[in-house]
Amino acid sequence: MPMTIAEKKAETNAFFAKRETRLFSYYQSTKYPLIYRNSYWGGCSGDIPTKTILENRNNFIEKYNISDYRPYSTLSHKMIKKTHIFYDDNYNKKTPPKDLHKHYFQWDAGMSKDHKEYYTIKGTYGKSIIVLFSQFKHDHLHNVILEHEYFEVPPLYNEGLTTYIKIIHPYTL
């Protein structure tokens, strides 16, 4: 049986309502859109993140006194090196190679980390940062991540992923 005009109109309205939701970027649903708007997570769109993720994102800014998102391109090589996780074939912590610059990206590729994000801590004039990443639950990597001074926090990307953060101060470089 063909659709009535009212049914077609309702279907069209539902289509456009769903389309608008997909165009809505995540950063717009937090209390801190100016901080999250340039982050990878903040630029994602689709179904609105769960209430838990939004609360965790808002709490993250408040708890760690975040002032701004920090683009990767503004980080020094020493700071970037502190964000890497080095491990051997048995997933034990490993000393970074002296020729790290030649193998720079291999360390992130082996971790299945989902898009690192960098944030500046208020009052440090951009010198202290927090780096965060989320990854699927891989128990064999958990200990080596913790050995690199990361710690687990409530999920900030997706409830099915583990989120880790690390605070990096200039005097630790």
N, C-alpha and C. Protein backbone atom coordinates (compact mmCIF):
# COMPACT_ATOMS: atom_id res chain seq x y z
N MET A 1 0.84 -1.17 0.00
CA MET A 1 0.00 0.00 0.00
C MET A 1 0.89 1.24 0.00
N PRO A 2 0.64 2.20 -0.86
CA PRO A 2 1.46 3.42 -0.94
C PRO A 2 1.34 4.26 0.34
N MET A 3 2.40 5.04 0.58
CA MET A 3 2.43 5.90 1.78
C MET A 3 1.51 7.10 1.58
N THR A 4 0.93 7.53 2.67
CA THR A 4 0.10 8.74 2.63
C THR A 4 1.03 9.95 2.64
N ILE A 5 0.48 11.09 2.34
CA ILE A 5 1.27 12.34 2.36
C ILE A 5 1.82 12.59 3.77
N ALA A 6 1.01 12.34 4.79
CA ALA A 6 1.44 12.54 6.17
C ALA A 6 2.61 11.61 6.52
N GLU A 7 2.54 10.36 6.05
CA GLU A 7 3.61 9.40 6.32
C GLU A 7 4.91 9.81 5.60
N LYS A 8 4.78 10.29 4.36
CA LYS A 8 5.96 10.75 3.62
C LYS A 8 6.59 11.96 4.30
N LYS A 9 5.73 12.86 4.78
CA LYS A 9 6.22 14.06 5.46
C LYS A 9 6.95 13.67 6.76
N ALA A 10 6.38 12.74 7.51
CA ALA A 10 7.00 12.28 8.76
C ALA A 10 8.34 11.61 8.47
N GLU A 11 8.40 10.81 7.40
CA GLU A 11 9.65 10.14 7.04
C GLU A 11 10.71 11.15 6.63
N THR A 12 10.32 12.17 5.87
CA THR A 12 11.24 13.22 5.45
C THR A 12 11.76 13.99 6.66
N ASN A 13 10.86 14.34 7.59
CA ASN A 13 11.27 15.07 8.79
C ASN A 13 12.25 14.23 9.62
N ALA A 14 11.99 12.95 9.74
CA ALA A 14 12.87 12.05 10.49
C ALA A 14 14.25 11.98 9.83
N PHE A 15 14.27 11.94 8.50
CA PHE A 15 15.54 11.90 7.76
C PHE A 15 16.36 13.15 8.07
N PHE A 16 15.73 14.33 7.99
CA PHE A 16 16.47 15.57 8.23
C PHE A 16 16.86 15.73 9.69
N ALA A 17 16.05 15.26 10.61
CA ALA A 17 16.41 15.32 12.02
C ALA A 17 17.64 14.44 12.28
N LYS A 18 17.69 13.26 11.68
CA LYS A 18 18.83 12.37 11.83
C LYS A 18 20.07 12.99 11.18
N ARG A 19 19.90 13.62 10.04
CA ARG A 19 21.01 14.26 9.34
C ARG A 19 21.59 15.39 10.18
N GLU A 20 20.73 16.18 10.83
CA GLU A 20 21.21 17.27 11.68
C GLU A 20 22.00 16.72 12.86
N THR A 21 21.56 15.62 13.42
CA THR A 21 22.28 14.99 14.53
C THR A 21 23.67 14.57 14.08
N ARG A 22 23.78 14.00 12.87
CA ARG A 22 25.09 13.57 12.36
C ARG A 22 26.01 14.76 12.11
N LEU A 23 25.45 15.92 11.80
CA LEU A 23 26.26 17.09 11.52
C LEU A 23 26.68 17.82 12.80
N PHE A 24 26.09 17.46 13.91
CA PHE A 24 26.36 18.06 15.20
C PHE A 24 27.69 17.52 15.72
N SER A 25 28.69 18.39 15.90
CA SER A 25 30.00 17.94 16.38
C SER A 25 29.96 17.73 17.89
N TYR A 26 30.73 16.76 18.36
CA TYR A 26 30.73 16.40 19.77
C TYR A 26 31.04 17.57 20.70
N TYR A 27 32.00 18.41 20.29
CA TYR A 27 32.41 19.50 21.18
C TYR A 27 31.24 20.39 21.56
N GLN A 28 30.24 20.47 20.71
CA GLN A 28 29.09 21.34 20.97
C GLN A 28 28.22 20.84 22.11
N SER A 29 28.38 19.58 22.50
CA SER A 29 27.53 19.02 23.54
C SER A 29 28.20 19.04 24.92
N THR A 30 29.39 19.63 25.04
CA THR A 30 30.07 19.71 26.33
C THR A 30 29.89 21.10 26.94
N LYS A 31 30.30 21.24 28.19
CA LYS A 31 30.30 22.55 28.85
C LYS A 31 31.50 23.38 28.41
N TYR A 32 32.43 22.76 27.68
CA TYR A 32 33.68 23.42 27.29
C TYR A 32 33.93 23.32 25.79
N PRO A 33 33.01 23.87 24.98
CA PRO A 33 33.17 23.73 23.52
C PRO A 33 34.41 24.41 22.97
N LEU A 34 34.85 25.50 23.58
CA LEU A 34 36.04 26.19 23.07
C LEU A 34 37.32 25.37 23.27
N ILE A 35 37.34 24.55 24.30
CA ILE A 35 38.52 23.69 24.53
C ILE A 35 38.49 22.49 23.59
N TYR A 36 37.33 21.88 23.44
CA TYR A 36 37.23 20.64 22.67
C TYR A 36 37.06 20.82 21.17
N ARG A 37 36.76 22.00 20.70
CA ARG A 37 36.42 22.15 19.28
C ARG A 37 37.54 21.78 18.31
N ASN A 38 38.79 21.90 18.71
CA ASN A 38 39.90 21.56 17.80
C ASN A 38 40.47 20.17 18.03
N SER A 39 39.94 19.45 19.00
CA SER A 39 40.44 18.10 19.26
C SER A 39 39.82 17.12 18.26
N TYR A 40 40.47 15.98 18.10
CA TYR A 40 39.93 14.97 17.19
C TYR A 40 38.53 14.55 17.66
N TRP A 41 38.41 14.24 18.95
CA TRP A 41 37.12 13.81 19.50
C TRP A 41 36.06 14.89 19.29
N GLY A 42 36.40 16.12 19.58
CA GLY A 42 35.44 17.22 19.46
C GLY A 42 34.94 17.44 18.05
N GLY A 43 35.77 17.13 17.07
CA GLY A 43 35.38 17.31 15.68
C GLY A 43 34.56 16.17 15.11
N CYS A 44 34.45 15.08 15.87
CA CYS A 44 33.64 13.95 15.40
C CYS A 44 32.17 14.35 15.40
N SER A 45 31.42 13.71 14.57
CA SER A 45 29.98 13.96 14.54
C SER A 45 29.27 12.64 14.34
N GLY A 46 28.02 12.66 14.60
CA GLY A 46 27.21 11.45 14.51
C GLY A 46 26.24 11.45 15.66
N ASP A 47 25.92 10.28 16.15
CA ASP A 47 25.05 10.23 17.32
C ASP A 47 25.74 10.95 18.47
N ILE A 48 24.98 11.69 19.24
CA ILE A 48 25.53 12.44 20.36
C ILE A 48 26.16 11.44 21.34
N PRO A 49 27.35 11.75 21.87
CA PRO A 49 27.99 10.83 22.81
C PRO A 49 27.09 10.56 24.02
N THR A 50 27.34 9.46 24.69
CA THR A 50 26.53 9.10 25.84
C THR A 50 26.68 10.14 26.95
N LYS A 51 25.72 10.14 27.84
CA LYS A 51 25.75 11.06 28.98
C LYS A 51 27.02 10.82 29.80
N THR A 52 27.41 9.57 29.96
CA THR A 52 28.62 9.23 30.72
C THR A 52 29.86 9.87 30.11
N ILE A 53 30.02 9.75 28.79
CA ILE A 53 31.19 10.33 28.12
C ILE A 53 31.18 11.85 28.25
N LEU A 54 30.04 12.47 28.07
CA LEU A 54 29.96 13.93 28.20
C LEU A 54 30.30 14.37 29.63
N GLU A 55 29.78 13.66 30.62
CA GLU A 55 30.11 13.99 32.01
C GLU A 55 31.60 13.78 32.27
N ASN A 56 32.16 12.69 31.75
CA ASN A 56 33.60 12.43 31.93
C ASN A 56 34.44 13.52 31.26
N ARG A 57 34.03 13.96 30.08
CA ARG A 57 34.76 15.03 29.38
C ARG A 57 34.70 16.33 30.19
N ASN A 58 33.54 16.68 30.69
CA ASN A 58 33.41 17.91 31.50
C ASN A 58 34.23 17.79 32.79
N ASN A 59 34.16 16.64 33.45
CA ASN A 59 34.91 16.42 34.69
C ASN A 59 36.41 16.46 34.45
N PHE A 60 36.86 15.95 33.31
CA PHE A 60 38.28 15.97 32.96
C PHE A 60 38.81 17.41 32.95
N ILE A 61 38.10 18.30 32.30
CA ILE A 61 38.52 19.71 32.22
C ILE A 61 38.60 20.31 33.61
N GLU A 62 37.59 20.04 34.43
CA GLU A 62 37.53 20.63 35.77
C GLU A 62 38.56 20.02 36.71
N LYS A 63 38.68 18.71 36.72
CA LYS A 63 39.58 18.03 37.65
C LYS A 63 41.05 18.35 37.40
N TYR A 64 41.44 18.43 36.12
CA TYR A 64 42.85 18.64 35.78
C TYR A 64 43.15 20.09 35.42
N ASN A 65 42.19 20.98 35.64
CA ASN A 65 42.42 22.42 35.47
C ASN A 65 42.94 22.74 34.07
N ILE A 66 42.24 22.25 33.06
CA ILE A 66 42.65 22.41 31.66
C ILE A 66 42.27 23.80 31.16
N SER A 67 43.19 24.42 30.45
CA SER A 67 42.90 25.75 29.89
C SER A 67 42.63 25.71 28.40
N ASP A 68 43.25 24.74 27.70
CA ASP A 68 43.09 24.75 26.24
C ASP A 68 43.55 23.43 25.65
N TYR A 69 43.10 23.19 24.43
CA TYR A 69 43.59 22.06 23.63
C TYR A 69 44.93 22.49 23.06
N ARG A 70 45.86 21.57 22.95
CA ARG A 70 47.20 21.88 22.45
C ARG A 70 47.46 21.08 21.18
N PRO A 71 47.61 21.73 20.04
CA PRO A 71 47.90 21.00 18.80
C PRO A 71 49.26 20.28 18.87
N TYR A 72 49.31 19.11 18.28
CA TYR A 72 50.52 18.30 18.22
C TYR A 72 51.69 19.09 17.65
N SER A 73 51.42 19.89 16.65
CA SER A 73 52.48 20.63 15.96
C SER A 73 53.19 21.64 16.86
N THR A 74 52.62 21.97 18.02
CA THR A 74 53.24 22.94 18.92
C THR A 74 54.11 22.28 20.00
N LEU A 75 54.18 20.95 20.00
CA LEU A 75 54.94 20.24 21.02
C LEU A 75 56.40 20.08 20.61
N SER A 76 57.29 20.19 21.59
CA SER A 76 58.71 19.98 21.31
C SER A 76 58.97 18.48 21.12
N HIS A 77 60.10 18.16 20.49
CA HIS A 77 60.46 16.76 20.28
C HIS A 77 60.66 16.04 21.61
N LYS A 78 61.23 16.73 22.60
CA LYS A 78 61.42 16.12 23.91
C LYS A 78 60.07 15.77 24.54
N MET A 79 59.10 16.67 24.38
CA MET A 79 57.78 16.42 24.96
C MET A 79 57.10 15.26 24.24
N ILE A 80 57.20 15.22 22.94
CA ILE A 80 56.59 14.14 22.16
C ILE A 80 57.21 12.80 22.55
N LYS A 81 58.52 12.79 22.73
CA LYS A 81 59.21 11.56 23.13
C LYS A 81 58.65 11.04 24.46
N LYS A 82 58.29 11.94 25.37
CA LYS A 82 57.73 11.53 26.67
C LYS A 82 56.34 10.92 26.53
N THR A 83 55.68 11.11 25.39
CA THR A 83 54.33 10.55 25.21
C THR A 83 54.37 9.13 24.66
N HIS A 84 55.51 8.71 24.11
CA HIS A 84 55.61 7.38 23.51
C HIS A 84 55.73 6.29 24.55
N ILE A 85 55.32 5.11 24.17
CA ILE A 85 55.40 3.94 25.03
C ILE A 85 56.31 2.94 24.34
N PHE A 86 57.42 2.64 24.96
CA PHE A 86 58.42 1.76 24.37
C PHE A 86 58.36 0.41 25.06
N TYR A 87 58.28 -0.65 24.27
CA TYR A 87 58.21 -2.00 24.85
C TYR A 87 58.87 -3.01 23.91
N ASP A 88 59.28 -4.12 24.51
CA ASP A 88 59.91 -5.17 23.72
C ASP A 88 58.87 -6.19 23.26
N ASP A 89 59.33 -7.28 22.69
CA ASP A 89 58.41 -8.30 22.16
C ASP A 89 57.57 -8.98 23.24
N ASN A 90 58.02 -8.88 24.49
CA ASN A 90 57.27 -9.47 25.61
C ASN A 90 56.44 -8.43 26.36
N TYR A 91 56.29 -7.25 25.78
CA TYR A 91 55.51 -6.15 26.36
C TYR A 91 56.09 -5.65 27.68
N ASN A 92 57.41 -5.66 27.78
CA ASN A 92 58.10 -5.07 28.92
C ASN A 92 58.62 -3.71 28.51
N LYS A 93 58.69 -2.80 29.47
CA LYS A 93 59.19 -1.45 29.18
C LYS A 93 60.59 -1.54 28.58
N LYS A 94 60.84 -0.70 27.60
CA LYS A 94 62.10 -0.71 26.88
C LYS A 94 62.66 0.71 26.85
N THR A 95 63.97 0.83 26.85
CA THR A 95 64.61 2.13 26.73
C THR A 95 64.45 2.63 25.30
N PRO A 96 64.12 3.91 25.12
CA PRO A 96 63.97 4.44 23.75
C PRO A 96 65.28 4.31 22.97
N PRO A 97 65.19 3.97 21.70
CA PRO A 97 66.41 3.87 20.88
C PRO A 97 67.05 5.24 20.68
N LYS A 98 68.37 5.26 20.54
CA LYS A 98 69.09 6.52 20.35
C LYS A 98 68.70 7.18 19.02
N ASP A 99 68.37 6.35 18.04
CA ASP A 99 67.99 6.88 16.73
C ASP A 99 66.46 6.95 16.60
N LEU A 100 65.82 7.36 17.67
CA LEU A 100 64.35 7.41 17.71
C LEU A 100 63.76 8.17 16.52
N HIS A 101 64.39 9.25 16.13
CA HIS A 101 63.84 10.06 15.04
C HIS A 101 63.68 9.25 13.75
N LYS A 102 64.46 8.19 13.56
CA LYS A 102 64.33 7.36 12.36
C LYS A 102 63.12 6.42 12.42
N HIS A 103 62.70 6.11 13.62
CA HIS A 103 61.62 5.15 13.83
C HIS A 103 60.45 5.78 14.58
N TYR A 104 60.31 7.05 14.45
CA TYR A 104 59.40 7.82 15.30
C TYR A 104 57.98 7.26 15.38
N PHE A 105 57.40 6.93 14.26
CA PHE A 105 55.98 6.58 14.26
C PHE A 105 55.72 5.11 14.59
N GLN A 106 56.73 4.28 14.57
CA GLN A 106 56.51 2.86 14.85
C GLN A 106 56.00 2.67 16.28
N TRP A 107 56.35 3.53 17.20
CA TRP A 107 55.96 3.32 18.60
C TRP A 107 54.47 3.54 18.79
N ASP A 108 53.89 4.48 18.11
CA ASP A 108 52.45 4.68 18.22
C ASP A 108 51.69 3.62 17.45
N ALA A 109 52.21 3.19 16.34
CA ALA A 109 51.49 2.23 15.50
C ALA A 109 51.28 0.89 16.19
N GLY A 110 52.21 0.50 17.05
CA GLY A 110 52.09 -0.79 17.70
C GLY A 110 51.14 -0.83 18.88
N MET A 111 50.55 0.28 19.25
CA MET A 111 49.77 0.34 20.47
C MET A 111 48.26 0.28 20.25
N SER A 112 47.78 0.54 19.10
CA SER A 112 46.35 0.66 18.81
C SER A 112 45.71 1.77 19.64
N LYS A 113 46.49 2.81 19.94
CA LYS A 113 45.95 3.97 20.65
C LYS A 113 45.05 4.72 19.69
N ASP A 114 44.00 5.26 20.22
CA ASP A 114 43.08 5.99 19.37
C ASP A 114 43.28 7.48 19.55
N HIS A 115 43.98 8.09 18.64
CA HIS A 115 44.12 9.54 18.54
C HIS A 115 44.48 10.22 19.85
N LYS A 116 45.75 10.44 20.04
CA LYS A 116 46.20 11.18 21.22
C LYS A 116 45.65 12.59 21.17
N GLU A 117 45.39 13.10 22.35
CA GLU A 117 44.95 14.49 22.50
C GLU A 117 45.88 15.13 23.52
N TYR A 118 46.14 16.42 23.35
CA TYR A 118 47.05 17.15 24.22
C TYR A 118 46.33 18.39 24.74
N TYR A 119 46.46 18.63 26.05
CA TYR A 119 45.79 19.75 26.69
C TYR A 119 46.77 20.49 27.58
N THR A 120 46.62 21.81 27.64
CA THR A 120 47.46 22.66 28.49
C THR A 120 46.82 22.80 29.85
N ILE A 121 47.65 22.76 30.89
CA ILE A 121 47.17 22.95 32.26
C ILE A 121 47.22 24.44 32.59
N LYS A 122 46.12 24.96 33.15
CA LYS A 122 46.04 26.38 33.52
C LYS A 122 47.19 26.78 34.44
N GLY A 123 47.67 28.00 34.23
CA GLY A 123 48.69 28.55 35.10
C GLY A 123 50.10 28.11 34.81
N THR A 124 50.30 27.31 33.78
CA THR A 124 51.66 26.84 33.45
C THR A 124 52.19 27.51 32.19
N TYR A 125 51.46 28.45 31.66
CA TYR A 125 51.85 29.19 30.46
C TYR A 125 52.17 28.26 29.29
N GLY A 126 51.42 27.19 29.20
CA GLY A 126 51.58 26.25 28.11
C GLY A 126 52.73 25.28 28.26
N LYS A 127 53.39 25.32 29.41
CA LYS A 127 54.57 24.47 29.59
C LYS A 127 54.23 23.07 30.10
N SER A 128 53.15 22.93 30.87
CA SER A 128 52.74 21.61 31.35
C SER A 128 51.52 21.15 30.56
N ILE A 129 51.56 19.89 30.16
CA ILE A 129 50.45 19.37 29.37
C ILE A 129 49.95 18.05 29.94
N ILE A 130 48.77 17.69 29.49
CA ILE A 130 48.23 16.36 29.74
C ILE A 130 48.01 15.73 28.38
N VAL A 131 48.53 14.54 28.23
CA VAL A 131 48.30 13.78 27.00
C VAL A 131 47.34 12.65 27.35
N LEU A 132 46.38 12.40 26.47
CA LEU A 132 45.45 11.31 26.71
C LEU A 132 45.27 10.51 25.44
N PHE A 133 44.97 9.24 25.63
CA PHE A 133 44.60 8.40 24.50
C PHE A 133 43.68 7.31 25.02
N SER A 134 42.91 6.76 24.12
CA SER A 134 42.02 5.65 24.44
C SER A 134 42.37 4.49 23.53
N GLN A 135 42.15 3.30 24.02
CA GLN A 135 42.42 2.11 23.21
C GLN A 135 41.49 0.99 23.66
N PHE A 136 41.35 0.03 22.77
CA PHE A 136 40.59 -1.16 23.13
C PHE A 136 41.29 -1.84 24.29
N LYS A 137 40.55 -2.54 25.08
CA LYS A 137 41.13 -3.20 26.26
C LYS A 137 42.08 -4.31 25.83
N HIS A 138 43.37 -4.06 26.05
CA HIS A 138 44.43 -5.03 25.77
C HIS A 138 45.19 -5.22 27.07
N ASP A 139 44.86 -6.26 27.79
CA ASP A 139 45.47 -6.49 29.09
C ASP A 139 46.99 -6.61 29.01
N HIS A 140 47.50 -7.16 27.92
CA HIS A 140 48.95 -7.35 27.79
C HIS A 140 49.70 -6.02 27.68
N LEU A 141 49.02 -4.93 27.35
CA LEU A 141 49.67 -3.62 27.24
C LEU A 141 49.47 -2.75 28.47
N HIS A 142 48.51 -3.11 29.30
CA HIS A 142 48.14 -2.25 30.44
C HIS A 142 49.34 -1.94 31.34
N ASN A 143 50.09 -2.95 31.75
CA ASN A 143 51.20 -2.73 32.67
C ASN A 143 52.31 -1.87 32.07
N VAL A 144 52.63 -2.08 30.81
CA VAL A 144 53.70 -1.28 30.20
C VAL A 144 53.24 0.17 30.02
N ILE A 145 51.98 0.39 29.81
CA ILE A 145 51.46 1.76 29.74
C ILE A 145 51.61 2.44 31.09
N LEU A 146 51.25 1.73 32.15
CA LEU A 146 51.39 2.28 33.51
C LEU A 146 52.86 2.53 33.86
N GLU A 147 53.76 1.67 33.40
CA GLU A 147 55.19 1.85 33.66
C GLU A 147 55.74 3.11 33.00
N HIS A 148 55.05 3.62 31.98
CA HIS A 148 55.46 4.85 31.31
C HIS A 148 54.76 6.08 31.90
N GLU A 149 54.30 5.94 33.14
CA GLU A 149 53.72 7.03 33.93
C GLU A 149 52.35 7.49 33.45
N TYR A 150 51.67 6.68 32.68
CA TYR A 150 50.27 6.95 32.36
C TYR A 150 49.43 6.36 33.48
N PHE A 151 48.22 6.85 33.64
CA PHE A 151 47.28 6.21 34.55
C PHE A 151 45.91 6.20 33.91
N GLU A 152 45.12 5.24 34.34
CA GLU A 152 43.80 5.04 33.77
C GLU A 152 42.80 6.02 34.39
N VAL A 153 41.94 6.57 33.55
CA VAL A 153 40.88 7.48 33.99
C VAL A 153 39.56 6.97 33.40
N PRO A 154 38.44 7.51 33.89
CA PRO A 154 37.16 7.11 33.28
C PRO A 154 37.18 7.36 31.77
N PRO A 155 36.46 6.56 30.99
CA PRO A 155 36.53 6.68 29.53
C PRO A 155 36.16 8.08 29.03
N LEU A 156 36.96 8.56 28.09
CA LEU A 156 36.74 9.89 27.52
C LEU A 156 36.43 9.86 26.03
N TYR A 157 36.49 8.69 25.44
CA TYR A 157 36.26 8.59 24.00
C TYR A 157 35.02 7.76 23.71
N ASN A 158 34.99 6.59 24.32
CA ASN A 158 33.90 5.66 24.12
C ASN A 158 33.88 4.75 25.34
N GLU A 159 32.71 4.36 25.79
CA GLU A 159 32.62 3.56 27.01
C GLU A 159 33.27 2.18 26.86
N GLY A 160 33.48 1.72 25.65
CA GLY A 160 34.11 0.42 25.44
C GLY A 160 35.61 0.47 25.38
N LEU A 161 36.20 1.65 25.53
CA LEU A 161 37.65 1.81 25.44
C LEU A 161 38.23 2.22 26.78
N THR A 162 39.48 1.87 27.00
CA THR A 162 40.20 2.31 28.20
C THR A 162 40.91 3.62 27.86
N THR A 163 40.81 4.59 28.75
CA THR A 163 41.47 5.88 28.54
C THR A 163 42.60 6.04 29.54
N TYR A 164 43.75 6.49 29.04
CA TYR A 164 44.92 6.74 29.87
C TYR A 164 45.33 8.20 29.69
N ILE A 165 45.85 8.79 30.77
CA ILE A 165 46.42 10.13 30.66
C ILE A 165 47.79 10.14 31.32
N LYS A 166 48.57 11.13 30.92
CA LYS A 166 49.89 11.35 31.49
C LYS A 166 50.09 12.85 31.60
N ILE A 167 50.59 13.28 32.75
CA ILE A 167 50.88 14.70 32.96
C ILE A 167 52.37 14.89 32.72
N ILE A 168 52.69 15.83 31.85
CA ILE A 168 54.10 16.10 31.52
C ILE A 168 54.42 17.55 31.89
N HIS A 169 55.37 17.70 32.80
CA HIS A 169 55.84 19.02 33.22
C HIS A 169 57.20 19.28 32.58
N PRO A 170 57.55 20.54 32.33
CA PRO A 170 58.83 20.83 31.66
C PRO A 170 60.04 20.32 32.43
N TYR A 171 59.99 20.29 33.76
CA TYR A 171 61.14 19.83 34.53
C TYR A 171 61.34 18.33 34.44
N THR A 172 60.40 17.58 33.83
CA THR A 172 60.58 16.13 33.66
C THR A 172 61.15 15.79 32.30
N LEU A 173 61.40 16.79 31.47
CA LEU A 173 61.89 16.53 30.11
C LEU A 173 63.35 16.24 30.09
